[in-house]
Protein backbone atom coordinates (compact mmCIF):
# COMPACT_ATOMS: atom_id res chain seq x y z
CA MET A 1 104.76 164.04 97.81
CA PRO A 2 106.46 162.03 94.25
CA LEU A 3 110.11 161.53 95.23
CA SER A 4 111.94 163.45 92.56
CA CYS A 5 115.47 162.92 91.54
CA ARG A 6 117.62 164.99 89.31
CA PHE A 7 120.91 163.27 87.66
CA TYR A 8 122.73 166.83 86.49
CA LYS A 9 124.16 169.44 88.64
CA GLU A 10 122.88 172.05 86.34
CA LYS A 11 119.29 172.83 86.17
CA TYR A 12 118.86 172.96 81.83
CA PRO A 13 121.08 170.56 79.28
CA LYS A 14 123.52 172.42 77.13
CA VAL A 15 122.95 173.43 73.55
CA ASP A 16 123.74 169.91 71.64
CA ASP A 17 123.36 167.40 74.53
CA VAL A 18 121.56 164.47 74.01
CA VAL A 19 118.83 164.19 76.50
CA MET A 20 116.28 161.00 77.19
CA VAL A 21 112.58 162.71 76.65
CA ASN A 22 109.21 161.26 77.55
CA VAL A 23 107.02 162.52 74.66
CA ARG A 24 103.99 164.18 76.45
CA ALA A 25 102.24 165.82 72.70
CA ILE A 26 102.75 165.91 69.33
CA ALA A 27 101.31 169.18 68.12
CA LYS A 28 101.86 171.02 64.94
CA MET A 29 105.07 172.55 65.15
CA GLY A 30 107.10 170.06 67.30
CA ALA A 31 106.71 167.48 70.40
CA TYR A 32 106.51 168.62 74.11
CA VAL A 33 108.71 166.63 76.36
CA HIS A 34 109.92 165.68 79.94
CA LEU A 35 113.53 165.89 80.42
CA LEU A 36 113.71 162.40 82.24
CA LYS A 37 116.98 162.83 84.04
CA TYR A 38 116.58 166.57 84.62
CA ASP A 39 113.36 166.01 87.36
CA ASN A 40 111.36 165.65 84.27
CA LEU A 41 111.71 169.08 83.39
CA GLU A 42 109.08 170.28 81.07
CA GLY A 43 109.96 170.82 77.09
CA MET A 44 109.41 171.67 73.15
CA ILE A 45 111.53 170.39 70.18
CA LEU A 46 110.44 171.73 67.10
CA LEU A 47 110.06 170.50 63.59
CA SER A 48 113.32 172.02 62.81
CA GLU A 49 115.29 170.13 64.86
CA LEU A 50 113.53 166.59 64.83
CA SER A 51 115.10 166.28 60.46
CA ARG A 52 117.37 168.64 58.43
CA ARG A 53 114.74 167.69 55.56
CA ARG A 54 111.41 169.58 55.16
CA ILE A 55 108.93 167.60 57.69
CA ARG A 56 105.04 168.45 56.63
CA SER A 57 103.89 165.78 59.41
CA ILE A 58 105.78 164.76 62.68
CA ASN A 59 104.02 161.39 62.60
CA GLN A 60 105.15 160.85 58.38
CA LEU A 61 108.67 161.24 59.91
CA ASN A 62 107.78 158.92 62.80
CA SER A 63 106.74 156.16 60.16
CA GLU A 64 109.47 156.65 58.04
CA GLU A 65 112.43 156.33 60.56
CA ASN A 66 110.71 152.99 62.72
CA LYS A 67 110.59 151.28 58.92
CA LYS A 68 114.09 152.33 58.00
CA ASN A 69 115.30 150.16 61.46
CA GLU A 70 113.00 147.82 61.54
CA SER A 71 112.94 146.64 57.80
CA SER A 72 116.71 146.18 57.74
CA ALA A 73 117.58 143.73 60.65
CA TYR A 74 114.15 141.75 59.63
CA ASP A 75 115.00 141.18 56.04
CA PHE A 76 118.98 140.56 57.19
CA PHE A 77 117.85 138.14 59.53
CA LYS A 78 115.06 136.37 56.54
CA GLN A 79 117.67 136.46 53.88
CA ALA A 80 119.87 134.55 56.68
CA VAL A 81 117.16 131.86 56.69
CA VAL A 82 117.45 131.14 52.40
CA ASP A 83 121.09 132.34 52.84
CA PRO A 84 123.09 131.37 55.98
CA THR A 85 126.63 132.14 54.16
CA ILE A 86 125.60 135.73 54.62
CA LEU A 87 126.34 135.26 58.91
CA ALA A 88 129.57 135.06 57.96
CA GLU A 89 130.29 138.56 57.59
CA CYS A 90 129.35 139.01 61.63
CA ASP A 91 132.57 137.57 62.06
CA LEU A 92 130.98 134.97 65.15
CA ASP A 93 132.09 131.45 65.89
CA ASP A 94 130.42 128.22 64.64
CA GLN A 95 128.42 127.30 67.45
CA THR A 96 127.50 131.14 68.27
CA LYS A 97 125.97 131.11 64.42
CA GLU A 98 124.51 127.49 64.72
CA VAL A 99 122.58 129.28 67.66
CA LEU A 100 121.88 132.25 65.83
CA LEU A 101 120.80 130.35 62.68
CA SER A 102 118.54 128.13 64.64
CA ASN A 103 116.33 131.36 66.93
CA ILE A 104 116.11 133.05 63.25
CA LYS A 105 114.44 130.02 61.95
CA ARG A 106 112.41 129.46 64.61
CA LYS A 107 111.08 132.94 65.39
CA ILE A 108 110.77 133.54 61.29
CA ILE A 109 109.07 131.32 59.91
CA SER A 110 107.48 132.29 56.34
CA GLN A 111 103.99 131.64 56.28
CA ALA A 112 103.27 128.51 54.39
CA VAL A 113 100.76 129.58 51.12
CA GLU A 114 98.67 126.97 50.45
CA VAL A 115 98.26 126.03 46.73
CA ARG A 116 95.05 124.11 45.24
CA THR A 117 93.79 122.73 42.42
CA ASP A 118 90.94 121.20 41.90
CA ILE A 119 91.33 118.20 38.85
CA GLU A 120 88.07 116.76 36.31
CA CYS A 121 89.55 113.20 35.78
CA GLY A 122 87.88 110.18 34.67
CA CYS A 123 87.42 107.14 32.71
CA TYR A 124 84.83 105.77 31.15
CA GLY A 125 86.73 102.89 29.37
CA TYR A 126 87.57 99.33 30.31
CA GLY A 127 89.89 99.59 33.43
CA GLY A 128 89.10 103.14 33.78
CA ILE A 129 89.60 103.26 37.78
CA ASP A 130 93.24 101.61 37.35
CA ALA A 131 93.66 105.21 34.76
CA VAL A 132 92.28 107.54 36.98
CA LYS A 133 94.27 106.12 40.46
CA ALA A 134 97.77 105.80 37.68
CA ALA A 135 96.90 109.38 37.24
CA LEU A 136 96.64 110.47 40.81
CA LYS A 137 99.91 108.80 41.81
CA SER A 138 101.89 110.36 39.67
CA GLY A 139 101.02 113.30 40.53
CA LEU A 140 101.85 112.45 43.90
CA ALA A 141 105.15 111.20 42.77
CA LEU A 142 106.28 114.61 42.75
CA SER A 143 105.66 114.71 46.54
CA THR A 144 108.52 116.02 48.09
CA GLN A 145 109.48 115.93 52.61
CA GLU A 146 110.12 119.70 52.21
CA LEU A 147 106.39 120.01 49.59
CA PRO A 148 104.12 117.26 50.51
CA ILE A 149 101.07 117.09 47.83
CA LYS A 150 97.98 115.77 49.09
CA THR A 151 94.86 114.18 47.08
CA ASN A 152 91.36 114.31 48.52
CA PHE A 153 88.47 112.95 46.58
CA ILE A 154 85.30 115.22 46.68
CA ALA A 155 82.43 114.08 44.16
CA SER A 156 82.96 111.66 41.46
CA THR A 157 85.86 112.10 38.68
CA LEU A 158 86.71 115.54 40.84
CA TYR A 159 89.56 115.32 42.85
CA VAL A 160 91.62 118.27 44.58
CA MET A 161 95.64 118.12 44.93
CA THR A 162 96.98 120.58 47.35
CA THR A 163 100.44 121.25 49.04
CA ALA A 164 101.52 124.25 51.45
CA THR A 165 104.80 125.73 50.20
CA PRO A 166 106.47 128.94 51.79
CA GLU A 167 107.16 130.06 48.03
CA LYS A 168 104.30 130.40 45.88
CA ALA A 169 105.57 130.20 42.44
CA GLU A 170 107.42 126.40 43.85
CA GLY A 171 104.08 125.15 44.56
CA SER A 172 102.84 126.13 41.77
CA LYS A 173 105.33 125.05 39.52
CA ILE A 174 105.15 121.51 40.60
């Protein structure tokens, strides 16, 4: 026989009490729940009690609430990676800010976008090979540590230049 335990003297919660529940099933009328601190007493929460506005679907309400809650912290942290000065409004000491920012940068790394361009470059005149080398080296001169540019030889007169960048527009600009 399973052990059962109640946390409160009353058998039922009072009106407007906040109660921890486990959702057992979702129906058109509402959600069937077990009241966790009232010995898993069964209950039903009507859709009209979940929100003050009209609800067409409980799944729609659930997904909207999750999007609101999840996106705000994620967006804030993502923006903190780009502009660390927004952490100033959090009233943290400098060491805590540094640790927090390093953890955010490690966890929220933007997926690098690979920008690739095919270059057809050939020169059939005197010193043509040197002219092609000079043209490719001028492209490689734009390479930085943040935006490394690589050149690969594909076939006669066909080369590929690639770079990996978190911002596609920045990589295309180079």
